[in-house]
Amino acid sequence: MGAWGERPYDNDTASDWLHEVLTTASDKIEELVNLPVDASNYDEYRAAAWLLTKICRTYVYDAEHIDDHLSKLHDRLQTIKNDIGYIATWKSPTEFVNDLDELIQQIQRVCKWNNVTVTF
């Protein structure tokens, strides 16, 4: 087994296992980001973005799609943030926007870790 760090995915065995498990997540996210941008998918965009902040590591997540998924979900989070009608439907719009801002920042950090260029 080749190991290059202390994190749970910093070795060949674990990163291979995670890559296999996360292929399903990647496939589901691929389906989602290829749909037309639509308010009916806002909740899924947020959930997918949250998931990517947890699992998106270059040698763990699907290398073929990592840049595209991060970039498209970042754009969709910005779309949600600009939809004041949607935001107004939440019980606490301020808390919702604060949570959305934190998720956007997390996506931006993951983009930097993985050298993905998005417009911040």
PDB file of N, CA and C in Angstrom:
ATOM      1  N   MET A   1       0.844  -1.176   0.000  1.00  0.00           N
ATOM      2  CA  MET A   1       0.000   0.000   0.000  1.00  0.00           C
ATOM      3  C   MET A   1       0.886   1.234   0.000  1.00  0.00           C
ATOM      4  N   GLY A   2       0.599   2.164  -0.899  1.00  0.00           N
ATOM      5  CA  GLY A   2       1.294   3.429  -0.918  1.00  0.00           C
ATOM      6  C   GLY A   2       0.535   4.457  -0.104  1.00  0.00           C
ATOM      7  N   ALA A   3       1.223   5.103   0.809  1.00  0.00           N
ATOM      8  CA  ALA A   3       0.599   6.150   1.624  1.00  0.00           C
ATOM      9  C   ALA A   3       1.387   7.434   1.442  1.00  0.00           C
ATOM     10  N   TRP A   4       0.681   8.544   1.420  1.00  0.00           N
ATOM     11  CA  TRP A   4       1.348   9.834   1.228  1.00  0.00           C
ATOM     12  C   TRP A   4       0.905  10.883   2.234  1.00  0.00           C
ATOM     13  N   GLY A   5       0.075  10.496   3.199  1.00  0.00           N
ATOM     14  CA  GLY A   5      -0.375  11.422   4.219  1.00  0.00           C
ATOM     15  C   GLY A   5      -1.118  10.698   5.321  1.00  0.00           C
ATOM     16  N   GLU A   6      -1.590  11.476   6.269  1.00  0.00           N
ATOM     17  CA  GLU A   6      -2.245  10.916   7.458  1.00  0.00           C
ATOM     18  C   GLU A   6      -3.763  10.836   7.341  1.00  0.00           C
ATOM     19  N   ARG A   7      -4.359  11.556   6.396  1.00  0.00           N
ATOM     20  CA  ARG A   7      -5.816  11.569   6.281  1.00  0.00           C
ATOM     21  C   ARG A   7      -6.335  10.197   5.842  1.00  0.00           C
ATOM     22  N   PRO A   8      -7.600   9.923   6.130  1.00  0.00           N
ATOM     23  CA  PRO A   8      -8.154   8.602   5.835  1.00  0.00           C
ATOM     24  C   PRO A   8      -8.104   8.209   4.359  1.00  0.00           C
ATOM     25  N   TYR A   9      -7.961   9.164   3.466  1.00  0.00           N
ATOM     26  CA  TYR A   9      -7.938   8.865   2.035  1.00  0.00           C
ATOM     27  C   TYR A   9      -6.543   9.038   1.424  1.00  0.00           C
ATOM     28  N   ASP A  10      -5.529   9.208   2.247  1.00  0.00           N
ATOM     29  CA  ASP A  10      -4.160   9.442   1.779  1.00  0.00           C
ATOM     30  C   ASP A  10      -3.352   8.160   1.602  1.00  0.00           C
ATOM     31  N   ASN A  11      -3.995   7.149   1.052  1.00  0.00           N
ATOM     32  CA  ASN A  11      -3.268   5.930   0.705  1.00  0.00           C
ATOM     33  C   ASN A  11      -3.996   5.247  -0.449  1.00  0.00           C
ATOM     34  N   ASP A  12      -3.288   4.395  -1.138  1.00  0.00           N
ATOM     35  CA  ASP A  12      -3.841   3.765  -2.343  1.00  0.00           C
ATOM     36  C   ASP A  12      -5.122   2.986  -2.078  1.00  0.00           C
ATOM     37  N   THR A  13      -5.129   2.181  -1.041  1.00  0.00           N
ATOM     38  CA  THR A  13      -6.284   1.330  -0.754  1.00  0.00           C
ATOM     39  C   THR A  13      -7.528   2.173  -0.472  1.00  0.00           C
ATOM     40  N   ALA A  14      -7.398   3.141   0.411  1.00  0.00           N
ATOM     41  CA  ALA A  14      -8.547   3.979   0.786  1.00  0.00           C
ATOM     42  C   ALA A  14      -9.012   4.850  -0.379  1.00  0.00           C
ATOM     43  N   SER A  15      -8.078   5.461  -1.091  1.00  0.00           N
ATOM     44  CA  SER A  15      -8.494   6.335  -2.190  1.00  0.00           C
ATOM     45  C   SER A  15      -9.163   5.525  -3.306  1.00  0.00           C
ATOM     46  N   ASP A  16      -8.694   4.316  -3.563  1.00  0.00           N
ATOM     47  CA  ASP A  16      -9.353   3.459  -4.559  1.00  0.00           C
ATOM     48  C   ASP A  16     -10.767   3.087  -4.106  1.00  0.00           C
ATOM     49  N   TRP A  17     -10.902   2.722  -2.834  1.00  0.00           N
ATOM     50  CA  TRP A  17     -12.214   2.362  -2.298  1.00  0.00           C
ATOM     51  C   TRP A  17     -13.161   3.554  -2.369  1.00  0.00           C
ATOM     52  N   LEU A  18     -12.702   4.732  -1.924  1.00  0.00           N
ATOM     53  CA  LEU A  18     -13.549   5.924  -1.965  1.00  0.00           C
ATOM     54  C   LEU A  18     -13.926   6.290  -3.396  1.00  0.00           C
ATOM     55  N   HIS A  19     -12.982   6.176  -4.307  1.00  0.00           N
ATOM     56  CA  HIS A  19     -13.291   6.486  -5.705  1.00  0.00           C
ATOM     57  C   HIS A  19     -14.414   5.585  -6.215  1.00  0.00           C
ATOM     58  N   GLU A  20     -14.344   4.320  -5.885  1.00  0.00           N
ATOM     59  CA  GLU A  20     -15.388   3.384  -6.315  1.00  0.00           C
ATOM     60  C   GLU A  20     -16.742   3.745  -5.704  1.00  0.00           C
ATOM     61  N   VAL A  21     -16.756   4.037  -4.417  1.00  0.00           N
ATOM     62  CA  VAL A  21     -17.997   4.398  -3.733  1.00  0.00           C
ATOM     63  C   VAL A  21     -18.563   5.707  -4.289  1.00  0.00           C
ATOM     64  N   LEU A  22     -17.678   6.662  -4.527  1.00  0.00           N
ATOM     65  CA  LEU A  22     -18.124   7.990  -4.940  1.00  0.00           C
ATOM     66  C   LEU A  22     -18.488   8.087  -6.414  1.00  0.00           C
ATOM     67  N   THR A  23     -18.261   7.042  -7.155  1.00  0.00           N
ATOM     68  CA  THR A  23     -18.671   7.045  -8.558  1.00  0.00           C
ATOM     69  C   THR A  23     -20.176   7.238  -8.664  1.00  0.00           C
ATOM     70  N   THR A  24     -20.937   6.640  -7.769  1.00  0.00           N
ATOM     71  CA  THR A  24     -22.387   6.829  -7.766  1.00  0.00           C
ATOM     72  C   THR A  24     -22.739   8.283  -7.516  1.00  0.00           C
ATOM     73  N   ALA A  25     -22.077   8.912  -6.557  1.00  0.00           N
ATOM     74  CA  ALA A  25     -22.326  10.333  -6.284  1.00  0.00           C
ATOM     75  C   ALA A  25     -21.988  11.172  -7.504  1.00  0.00           C
ATOM     76  N   SER A  26     -20.869  10.886  -8.115  1.00  0.00           N
ATOM     77  CA  SER A  26     -20.461  11.624  -9.309  1.00  0.00           C
ATOM     78  C   SER A  26     -21.487  11.477 -10.429  1.00  0.00           C
ATOM     79  N   ASP A  27     -21.989  10.279 -10.618  1.00  0.00           N
ATOM     80  CA  ASP A  27     -22.999  10.046 -11.658  1.00  0.00           C
ATOM     81  C   ASP A  27     -24.269  10.846 -11.377  1.00  0.00           C
ATOM     82  N   LYS A  28     -24.702  10.857 -10.115  1.00  0.00           N
ATOM     83  CA  LYS A  28     -25.910  11.611  -9.745  1.00  0.00           C
ATOM     84  C   LYS A  28     -25.695  13.107  -9.931  1.00  0.00           C
ATOM     85  N   ILE A  29     -24.535  13.605  -9.550  1.00  0.00           N
ATOM     86  CA  ILE A  29     -24.238  15.024  -9.708  1.00  0.00           C
ATOM     87  C   ILE A  29     -24.124  15.368 -11.194  1.00  0.00           C
ATOM     88  N   GLU A  30     -23.553  14.480 -11.978  1.00  0.00           N
ATOM     89  CA  GLU A  30     -23.462  14.692 -13.432  1.00  0.00           C
ATOM     90  C   GLU A  30     -24.857  14.863 -14.032  1.00  0.00           C
ATOM     91  N   GLU A  31     -25.790  14.017 -13.634  1.00  0.00           N
ATOM     92  CA  GLU A  31     -27.171  14.145 -14.114  1.00  0.00           C
ATOM     93  C   GLU A  31     -27.748  15.500 -13.726  1.00  0.00           C
ATOM     94  N   LEU A  32     -27.534  15.897 -12.478  1.00  0.00           N
ATOM     95  CA  LEU A  32     -28.093  17.146 -11.962  1.00  0.00           C
ATOM     96  C   LEU A  32     -27.527  18.363 -12.680  1.00  0.00           C
ATOM     97  N   VAL A  33     -26.221  18.451 -12.834  1.00  0.00           N
ATOM     98  CA  VAL A  33     -25.630  19.662 -13.435  1.00  0.00           C
ATOM     99  C   VAL A  33     -25.856  19.728 -14.938  1.00  0.00           C
ATOM    100  N   ASN A  34     -26.287  18.635 -15.551  1.00  0.00           N
ATOM    101  CA  ASN A  34     -26.595  18.673 -16.977  1.00  0.00           C
ATOM    102  C   ASN A  34     -28.051  19.015 -17.264  1.00  0.00           C
ATOM    103  N   LEU A  35     -28.864  19.127 -16.209  1.00  0.00           N
ATOM    104  CA  LEU A  35     -30.237  19.603 -16.385  1.00  0.00           C
ATOM    105  C   LEU A  35     -30.208  21.120 -16.577  1.00  0.00           C
ATOM    106  N   PRO A  36     -31.214  21.678 -17.248  1.00  0.00           N
ATOM    107  CA  PRO A  36     -31.286  23.141 -17.316  1.00  0.00           C
ATOM    108  C   PRO A  36     -31.400  23.715 -15.896  1.00  0.00           C
ATOM    109  N   VAL A  37     -30.775  24.869 -15.674  1.00  0.00           N
ATOM    110  CA  VAL A  37     -30.858  25.507 -14.356  1.00  0.00           C
ATOM    111  C   VAL A  37     -32.315  25.849 -14.089  1.00  0.00           C
ATOM    112  N   ASP A  38     -32.819  25.374 -12.954  1.00  0.00           N
ATOM    113  CA  ASP A  38     -34.232  25.535 -12.646  1.00  0.00           C
ATOM    114  C   ASP A  38     -34.422  25.610 -11.132  1.00  0.00           C
ATOM    115  N   ALA A  39     -35.300  26.477 -10.702  1.00  0.00           N
ATOM    116  CA  ALA A  39     -35.561  26.653  -9.273  1.00  0.00           C
ATOM    117  C   ALA A  39     -36.048  25.371  -8.613  1.00  0.00           C
ATOM    118  N   SER A  40     -36.658  24.489  -9.374  1.00  0.00           N
ATOM    119  CA  SER A  40     -37.142  23.233  -8.785  1.00  0.00           C
ATOM    120  C   SER A  40     -35.988  22.346  -8.337  1.00  0.00           C
ATOM    121  N   ASN A  41     -34.757  22.655  -8.758  1.00  0.00           N
ATOM    122  CA  ASN A  41     -33.583  21.869  -8.370  1.00  0.00           C
ATOM    123  C   ASN A  41     -32.704  22.576  -7.339  1.00  0.00           C
ATOM    124  N   TYR A  42     -33.117  23.712  -6.837  1.00  0.00           N
ATOM    125  CA  TYR A  42     -32.279  24.468  -5.896  1.00  0.00           C
ATOM    126  C   TYR A  42     -31.847  23.628  -4.697  1.00  0.00           C
ATOM    127  N   ASP A  43     -32.775  22.881  -4.124  1.00  0.00           N
ATOM    128  CA  ASP A  43     -32.427  22.073  -2.951  1.00  0.00           C
ATOM    129  C   ASP A  43     -31.379  21.027  -3.300  1.00  0.00           C
ATOM    130  N   GLU A  44     -31.524  20.418  -4.465  1.00  0.00           N
ATOM    131  CA  GLU A  44     -30.546  19.422  -4.899  1.00  0.00           C
ATOM    132  C   GLU A  44     -29.187  20.063  -5.179  1.00  0.00           C
ATOM    133  N   TYR A  45     -29.177  21.275  -5.772  1.00  0.00           N
ATOM    134  CA  TYR A  45     -27.908  21.960  -6.012  1.00  0.00           C
ATOM    135  C   TYR A  45     -27.174  22.197  -4.691  1.00  0.00           C
ATOM    136  N   ARG A  46     -27.915  22.641  -3.698  1.00  0.00           N
ATOM    137  CA  ARG A  46     -27.297  22.905  -2.396  1.00  0.00           C
ATOM    138  C   ARG A  46     -26.777  21.613  -1.776  1.00  0.00           C
ATOM    139  N   ALA A  47     -27.559  20.541  -1.853  1.00  0.00           N
ATOM    140  CA  ALA A  47     -27.127  19.265  -1.285  1.00  0.00           C
ATOM    141  C   ALA A  47     -25.892  18.737  -2.010  1.00  0.00           C
ATOM    142  N   ALA A  48     -25.882  18.830  -3.326  1.00  0.00           N
ATOM    143  CA  ALA A  48     -24.731  18.363  -4.101  1.00  0.00           C
ATOM    144  C   ALA A  48     -23.493  19.204  -3.788  1.00  0.00           C
ATOM    145  N   ALA A  49     -23.667  20.506  -3.667  1.00  0.00           N
ATOM    146  CA  ALA A  49     -22.533  21.372  -3.331  1.00  0.00           C
ATOM    147  C   ALA A  49     -21.984  21.024  -1.953  1.00  0.00           C
ATOM    148  N   TRP A  50     -22.871  20.791  -0.992  1.00  0.00           N
ATOM    149  CA  TRP A  50     -22.424  20.416   0.352  1.00  0.00           C
ATOM    150  C   TRP A  50     -21.621  19.113   0.285  1.00  0.00           C
ATOM    151  N   LEU A  51     -22.151  18.140  -0.460  1.00  0.00           N
ATOM    152  CA  LEU A  51     -21.469  16.855  -0.577  1.00  0.00           C
ATOM    153  C   LEU A  51     -20.074  17.039  -1.190  1.00  0.00           C
ATOM    154  N   LEU A  52     -19.966  17.853  -2.228  1.00  0.00           N
ATOM    155  CA  LEU A  52     -18.669  18.068  -2.855  1.00  0.00           C
ATOM    156  C   LEU A  52     -17.673  18.725  -1.903  1.00  0.00           C
ATOM    157  N   THR A  53     -18.160  19.571  -0.993  1.00  0.00           N
ATOM    158  CA  THR A  53     -17.231  20.185  -0.033  1.00  0.00           C
ATOM    159  C   THR A  53     -16.633  19.132   0.893  1.00  0.00           C
ATOM    160  N   LYS A  54     -17.311  18.019   1.035  1.00  0.00           N
ATOM    161  CA  LYS A  54     -16.835  16.956   1.917  1.00  0.00           C
ATOM    162  C   LYS A  54     -15.981  15.914   1.206  1.00  0.00           C
ATOM    163  N   ILE A  55     -16.287  15.640  -0.067  1.00  0.00           N
ATOM    164  CA  ILE A  55     -15.663  14.496  -0.730  1.00  0.00           C
ATOM    165  C   ILE A  55     -14.757  14.839  -1.894  1.00  0.00           C
ATOM    166  N   CYS A  56     -14.774  16.074  -2.341  1.00  0.00           N
ATOM    167  CA  CYS A  56     -14.061  16.417  -3.577  1.00  0.00           C
ATOM    168  C   CYS A  56     -12.562  16.567  -3.339  1.00  0.00           C
ATOM    169  N   ARG A  57     -11.861  15.493  -3.542  1.00  0.00           N
ATOM    170  CA  ARG A  57     -10.407  15.486  -3.491  1.00  0.00           C
ATOM    171  C   ARG A  57      -9.926  14.885  -4.796  1.00  0.00           C
ATOM    172  N   THR A  58      -8.911  15.473  -5.362  1.00  0.00           N
ATOM    173  CA  THR A  58      -8.457  15.118  -6.704  1.00  0.00           C
ATOM    174  C   THR A  58      -8.285  13.627  -6.911  1.00  0.00           C
ATOM    175  N   TYR A  59      -7.686  12.903  -5.994  1.00  0.00           N
ATOM    176  CA  TYR A  59      -7.434  11.481  -6.212  1.00  0.00           C
ATOM    177  C   TYR A  59      -8.512  10.591  -5.615  1.00  0.00           C
ATOM    178  N   VAL A  60      -9.608  11.179  -5.159  1.00  0.00           N
ATOM    179  CA  VAL A  60     -10.720  10.415  -4.616  1.00  0.00           C
ATOM    180  C   VAL A  60     -11.950  10.552  -5.506  1.00  0.00           C
ATOM    181  N   TYR A  61     -12.275  11.797  -5.906  1.00  0.00           N
ATOM    182  CA  TYR A  61     -13.461  12.068  -6.710  1.00  0.00           C
ATOM    183  C   TYR A  61     -13.148  11.858  -8.187  1.00  0.00           C
ATOM    184  N   ASP A  62     -14.146  11.657  -8.974  1.00  0.00           N
ATOM    185  CA  ASP A  62     -14.020  11.420 -10.412  1.00  0.00           C
ATOM    186  C   ASP A  62     -13.251  12.548 -11.103  1.00  0.00           C
ATOM    187  N   ALA A  63     -12.012  12.273 -11.464  1.00  0.00           N
ATOM    188  CA  ALA A  63     -11.130  13.292 -12.046  1.00  0.00           C
ATOM    189  C   ALA A  63     -11.681  13.860 -13.344  1.00  0.00           C
ATOM    190  N   GLU A  64     -12.433  13.066 -14.079  1.00  0.00           N
ATOM    191  CA  GLU A  64     -12.980  13.519 -15.359  1.00  0.00           C
ATOM    192  C   GLU A  64     -14.004  14.634 -15.178  1.00  0.00           C
ATOM    193  N   HIS A  65     -14.688  14.666 -14.020  1.00  0.00           N
ATOM    194  CA  HIS A  65     -15.788  15.605 -13.814  1.00  0.00           C
ATOM    195  C   HIS A  65     -15.575  16.626 -12.699  1.00  0.00           C
ATOM    196  N   ILE A  66     -14.519  16.512 -11.935  1.00  0.00           N
ATOM    197  CA  ILE A  66     -14.360  17.345 -10.743  1.00  0.00           C
ATOM    198  C   ILE A  66     -14.443  18.840 -11.065  1.00  0.00           C
ATOM    199  N   ASP A  67     -13.720  19.297 -12.088  1.00  0.00           N
ATOM    200  CA  ASP A  67     -13.722  20.722 -12.427  1.00  0.00           C
ATOM    201  C   ASP A  67     -15.115  21.191 -12.835  1.00  0.00           C
ATOM    202  N   ASP A  68     -15.747  20.425 -13.704  1.00  0.00           N
ATOM    203  CA  ASP A  68     -17.068  20.786 -14.212  1.00  0.00           C
ATOM    204  C   ASP A  68     -18.103  20.819 -13.095  1.00  0.00           C
ATOM    205  N   HIS A  69     -18.100  19.815 -12.232  1.00  0.00           N
ATOM    206  CA  HIS A  69     -19.086  19.752 -11.155  1.00  0.00           C
ATOM    207  C   HIS A  69     -18.916  20.910 -10.182  1.00  0.00           C
ATOM    208  N   LEU A  70     -17.686  21.178  -9.765  1.00  0.00           N
ATOM    209  CA  LEU A  70     -17.449  22.284  -8.838  1.00  0.00           C
ATOM    210  C   LEU A  70     -17.851  23.610  -9.461  1.00  0.00           C
ATOM    211  N   SER A  71     -17.449  23.835 -10.687  1.00  0.00           N
ATOM    212  CA  SER A  71     -17.742  25.102 -11.356  1.00  0.00           C
ATOM    213  C   SER A  71     -19.243  25.307 -11.558  1.00  0.00           C
ATOM    214  N   LYS A  72     -19.928  24.283 -12.054  1.00  0.00           N
ATOM    215  CA  LYS A  72     -21.362  24.415 -12.312  1.00  0.00           C
ATOM    216  C   LYS A  72     -22.153  24.586 -11.021  1.00  0.00           C
ATOM    217  N   LEU A  73     -21.774  23.854  -9.974  1.00  0.00           N
ATOM    218  CA  LEU A  73     -22.506  24.001  -8.712  1.00  0.00           C
ATOM    219  C   LEU A  73     -22.224  25.359  -8.077  1.00  0.00           C
ATOM    220  N   HIS A  74     -21.014  25.858  -8.230  1.00  0.00           N
ATOM    221  CA  HIS A  74     -20.712  27.216  -7.751  1.00  0.00           C
ATOM    222  C   HIS A  74     -21.629  28.216  -8.462  1.00  0.00           C
ATOM    223  N   ASP A  75     -21.767  28.093  -9.773  1.00  0.00           N
ATOM    224  CA  ASP A  75     -22.637  28.991 -10.536  1.00  0.00           C
ATOM    225  C   ASP A  75     -24.092  28.873 -10.084  1.00  0.00           C
ATOM    226  N   ARG A  76     -24.531  27.657  -9.815  1.00  0.00           N
ATOM    227  CA  ARG A  76     -25.915  27.474  -9.392  1.00  0.00           C
ATOM    228  C   ARG A  76     -26.162  28.055  -7.995  1.00  0.00           C
ATOM    229  N   LEU A  77     -25.185  27.962  -7.108  1.00  0.00           N
ATOM    230  CA  LEU A  77     -25.334  28.598  -5.798  1.00  0.00           C
ATOM    231  C   LEU A  77     -25.440  30.111  -5.943  1.00  0.00           C
ATOM    232  N   GLN A  78     -24.676  30.679  -6.866  1.00  0.00           N
ATOM    233  CA  GLN A  78     -24.775  32.123  -7.119  1.00  0.00           C
ATOM    234  C   GLN A  78     -26.157  32.473  -7.678  1.00  0.00           C
ATOM    235  N   THR A  79     -26.697  31.610  -8.523  1.00  0.00           N
ATOM    236  CA  THR A  79     -28.047  31.821  -9.065  1.00  0.00           C
ATOM    237  C   THR A  79     -29.070  31.821  -7.938  1.00  0.00           C
ATOM    238  N   ILE A  80     -28.953  30.876  -7.025  1.00  0.00           N
ATOM    239  CA  ILE A  80     -29.868  30.825  -5.880  1.00  0.00           C
ATOM    240  C   ILE A  80     -29.746  32.109  -5.069  1.00  0.00           C
ATOM    241  N   LYS A  81     -28.525  32.546  -4.820  1.00  0.00           N
ATOM    242  CA  LYS A  81     -28.300  33.753  -4.010  1.00  0.00           C
ATOM    243  C   LYS A  81     -28.935  34.984  -4.649  1.00  0.00           C
ATOM    244  N   ASN A  82     -29.027  35.005  -5.960  1.00  0.00           N
ATOM    245  CA  ASN A  82     -29.607  36.145  -6.668  1.00  0.00           C
ATOM    246  C   ASN A  82     -31.125  36.049  -6.834  1.00  0.00           C
ATOM    247  N   ASP A  83     -31.724  34.943  -6.430  1.00  0.00           N
ATOM    248  CA  ASP A  83     -33.163  34.741  -6.578  1.00  0.00           C
ATOM    249  C   ASP A  83     -33.874  35.218  -5.303  1.00  0.00           C
ATOM    250  N   ILE A  84     -34.135  36.509  -5.237  1.00  0.00           N
ATOM    251  CA  ILE A  84     -34.704  37.082  -4.012  1.00  0.00           C
ATOM    252  C   ILE A  84     -36.109  36.566  -3.725  1.00  0.00           C
ATOM    253  N   GLY A  85     -36.846  36.198  -4.765  1.00  0.00           N
ATOM    254  CA  GLY A  85     -38.172  35.619  -4.564  1.00  0.00           C
ATOM    255  C   GLY A  85     -38.091  34.287  -3.844  1.00  0.00           C
ATOM    256  N   TYR A  86     -37.133  33.460  -4.236  1.00  0.00           N
ATOM    257  CA  TYR A  86     -36.942  32.164  -3.588  1.00  0.00           C
ATOM    258  C   TYR A  86     -36.468  32.350  -2.156  1.00  0.00           C
ATOM    259  N   ILE A  87     -35.511  33.227  -1.964  1.00  0.00           N
ATOM    260  CA  ILE A  87     -34.969  33.464  -0.627  1.00  0.00           C
ATOM    261  C   ILE A  87     -36.063  33.949   0.317  1.00  0.00           C
ATOM    262  N   ALA A  88     -36.968  34.756  -0.189  1.00  0.00           N
ATOM    263  CA  ALA A  88     -38.057  35.298   0.637  1.00  0.00           C
ATOM    264  C   ALA A  88     -39.007  34.220   1.128  1.00  0.00           C
ATOM    265  N   THR A  89     -39.001  33.043   0.515  1.00  0.00           N
ATOM    266  CA  THR A  89     -39.909  31.969   0.936  1.00  0.00           C
ATOM    267  C   THR A  89     -39.429  31.255   2.198  1.00  0.00           C
ATOM    268  N   TRP A  90     -38.195  31.485   2.598  1.00  0.00           N
ATOM    269  CA  TRP A  90     -37.637  30.806   3.767  1.00  0.00           C
ATOM    270  C   TRP A  90     -38.086  31.503   5.045  1.00  0.00           C
ATOM    271  N   LYS A  91     -38.242  30.729   6.107  1.00  0.00           N
ATOM    272  CA  LYS A  91     -38.674  31.262   7.392  1.00  0.00           C
ATOM    273  C   LYS A  91     -37.734  32.362   7.869  1.00  0.00           C
ATOM    274  N   SER A  92     -36.442  32.139   7.707  1.00  0.00           N
ATOM    275  CA  SER A  92     -35.440  33.135   8.086  1.00  0.00           C
ATOM    276  C   SER A  92     -34.514  33.384   6.885  1.00  0.00           C
ATOM    277  N   PRO A  93     -34.916  34.305   6.003  1.00  0.00           N
ATOM    278  CA  PRO A  93     -34.106  34.572   4.816  1.00  0.00           C
ATOM    279  C   PRO A  93     -32.654  34.952   5.128  1.00  0.00           C
ATOM    280  N   THR A  94     -32.442  35.679   6.211  1.00  0.00           N
ATOM    281  CA  THR A  94     -31.074  36.078   6.567  1.00  0.00           C
ATOM    282  C   THR A  94     -30.228  34.860   6.904  1.00  0.00           C
ATOM    283  N   GLU A  95     -30.758  33.947   7.698  1.00  0.00           N
ATOM    284  CA  GLU A  95     -30.026  32.729   8.034  1.00  0.00           C
ATOM    285  C   GLU A  95     -29.782  31.881   6.789  1.00  0.00           C
ATOM    286  N   PHE A  96     -30.776  31.824   5.906  1.00  0.00           N
ATOM    287  CA  PHE A  96     -30.626  31.062   4.671  1.00  0.00           C
ATOM    288  C   PHE A  96     -29.482  31.634   3.832  1.00  0.00           C
ATOM    289  N   VAL A  97     -29.449  32.953   3.666  1.00  0.00           N
ATOM    290  CA  VAL A  97     -28.393  33.587   2.876  1.00  0.00           C
ATOM    291  C   VAL A  97     -27.035  33.387   3.545  1.00  0.00           C
ATOM    292  N   ASN A  98     -26.977  33.482   4.865  1.00  0.00           N
ATOM    293  CA  ASN A  98     -25.711  33.242   5.570  1.00  0.00           C
ATOM    294  C   ASN A  98     -25.216  31.816   5.334  1.00  0.00           C
ATOM    295  N   ASP A  99     -26.125  30.850   5.390  1.00  0.00           N
ATOM    296  CA  ASP A  99     -25.760  29.462   5.133  1.00  0.00           C
ATOM    297  C   ASP A  99     -25.304  29.280   3.688  1.00  0.00           C
ATOM    298  N   LEU A 100     -25.996  29.923   2.774  1.00  0.00           N
ATOM    299  CA  LEU A 100     -25.631  29.855   1.362  1.00  0.00           C
ATOM    300  C   LEU A 100     -24.253  30.481   1.119  1.00  0.00           C
ATOM    301  N   ASP A 101     -24.002  31.620   1.758  1.00  0.00           N
ATOM    302  CA  ASP A 101     -22.678  32.258   1.641  1.00  0.00           C
ATOM    303  C   ASP A 101     -21.570  31.337   2.149  1.00  0.00           C
ATOM    304  N   GLU A 102     -21.822  30.656   3.258  1.00  0.00           N
ATOM    305  CA  GLU A 102     -20.830  29.727   3.807  1.00  0.00           C
ATOM    306  C   GLU A 102     -20.594  28.565   2.844  1.00  0.00           C
ATOM    307  N   LEU A 103     -21.648  28.059   2.240  1.00  0.00           N
ATOM    308  CA  LEU A 103     -21.511  26.967   1.281  1.00  0.00           C
ATOM    309  C   LEU A 103     -20.734  27.434   0.045  1.00  0.00           C
ATOM    310  N   ILE A 104     -21.001  28.637  -0.427  1.00  0.00           N
ATOM    311  CA  ILE A 104     -20.259  29.198  -1.561  1.00  0.00           C
ATOM    312  C   ILE A 104     -18.782  29.316  -1.211  1.00  0.00           C
ATOM    313  N   GLN A 105     -18.474  29.792  -0.017  1.00  0.00           N
ATOM    314  CA  GLN A 105     -17.075  29.908   0.412  1.00  0.00           C
ATOM    315  C   GLN A 105     -16.415  28.529   0.490  1.00  0.00           C
ATOM    316  N   GLN A 106     -17.142  27.541   0.980  1.00  0.00           N
ATOM    317  CA  GLN A 106     -16.587  26.190   1.049  1.00  0.00           C
ATOM    318  C   GLN A 106     -16.305  25.642  -0.345  1.00  0.00           C
ATOM    319  N   ILE A 107     -17.221  25.861  -1.282  1.00  0.00           N
ATOM    320  CA  ILE A 107     -16.991  25.424  -2.666  1.00  0.00           C
ATOM    321  C   ILE A 107     -15.760  26.132  -3.224  1.00  0.00           C
ATOM    322  N   GLN A 108     -15.619  27.418  -2.941  1.00  0.00           N
ATOM    323  CA  GLN A 108     -14.456  28.160  -3.425  1.00  0.00           C
ATOM    324  C   GLN A 108     -13.160  27.600  -2.854  1.00  0.00           C
ATOM    325  N   ARG A 109     -13.167  27.222  -1.571  1.00  0.00           N
ATOM    326  CA  ARG A 109     -11.977  26.613  -0.972  1.00  0.00           C
ATOM    327  C   ARG A 109     -11.636  25.282  -1.653  1.00  0.00           C
ATOM    328  N   VAL A 110     -12.643  24.473  -1.910  1.00  0.00           N
ATOM    329  CA  VAL A 110     -12.414  23.193  -2.572  1.00  0.00           C
ATOM    330  C   VAL A 110     -11.890  23.432  -3.991  1.00  0.00           C
ATOM    331  N   CYS A 111     -12.404  24.445  -4.661  1.00  0.00           N
ATOM    332  CA  CYS A 111     -11.898  24.784  -6.000  1.00  0.00           C
ATOM    333  C   CYS A 111     -10.411  25.132  -5.925  1.00  0.00           C
ATOM    334  N   LYS A 112     -10.027  25.915  -4.931  1.00  0.00           N
ATOM    335  CA  LYS A 112      -8.616  26.278  -4.779  1.00  0.00           C
ATOM    336  C   LYS A 112      -7.761  25.045  -4.493  1.00  0.00           C
ATOM    337  N   TRP A 113      -8.238  24.147  -3.628  1.00  0.00           N
ATOM    338  CA  TRP A 113      -7.484  22.927  -3.315  1.00  0.00           C
ATOM    339  C   TRP A 113      -7.232  22.109  -4.570  1.00  0.00           C
ATOM    340  N   ASN A 114      -8.232  22.109  -5.471  1.00  0.00           N
ATOM    341  CA  ASN A 114      -8.171  21.261  -6.645  1.00  0.00           C
ATOM    342  C   ASN A 114      -7.768  22.025  -7.904  1.00  0.00           C
ATOM    343  N   ASN A 115      -7.321  23.272  -7.729  1.00  0.00           N
ATOM    344  CA  ASN A 115      -6.897  24.112  -8.860  1.00  0.00           C
ATOM    345  C   ASN A 115      -7.981  24.259  -9.924  1.00  0.00           C
ATOM    346  N   VAL A 116      -9.216  24.454  -9.480  1.00  0.00           N
ATOM    347  CA  VAL A 116     -10.342  24.673 -10.382  1.00  0.00           C
ATOM    348  C   VAL A 116     -10.602  26.173 -10.452  1.00  0.00           C
ATOM    349  N   THR A 117     -10.658  26.712 -11.650  1.00  0.00           N
ATOM    350  CA  THR A 117     -10.876  28.137 -11.811  1.00  0.00           C
ATOM    351  C   THR A 117     -12.357  28.426 -11.913  1.00  0.00           C
ATOM    352  N   VAL A 118     -12.872  29.220 -10.971  1.00  0.00           N
ATOM    353  CA  VAL A 118     -14.230  29.723 -11.032  1.00  0.00           C
ATOM    354  C   VAL A 118     -14.151  31.210 -10.746  1.00  0.00           C
ATOM    355  N   THR A 119     -15.151  31.944 -11.219  1.00  0.00           N
ATOM    356  CA  THR A 119     -15.212  33.376 -10.952  1.00  0.00           C
ATOM    357  C   THR A 119     -15.843  33.583  -9.592  1.00  0.00           C
ATOM    358  N   PHE A 120     -15.093  34.129  -8.667  1.00  0.00           N
ATOM    359  CA  PHE A 120     -15.610  34.349  -7.322  1.00  0.00           C
ATOM    360  C   PHE A 120     -16.253  35.706  -7.203  1.00  0.00           C
TER     361      PHE A 120
END
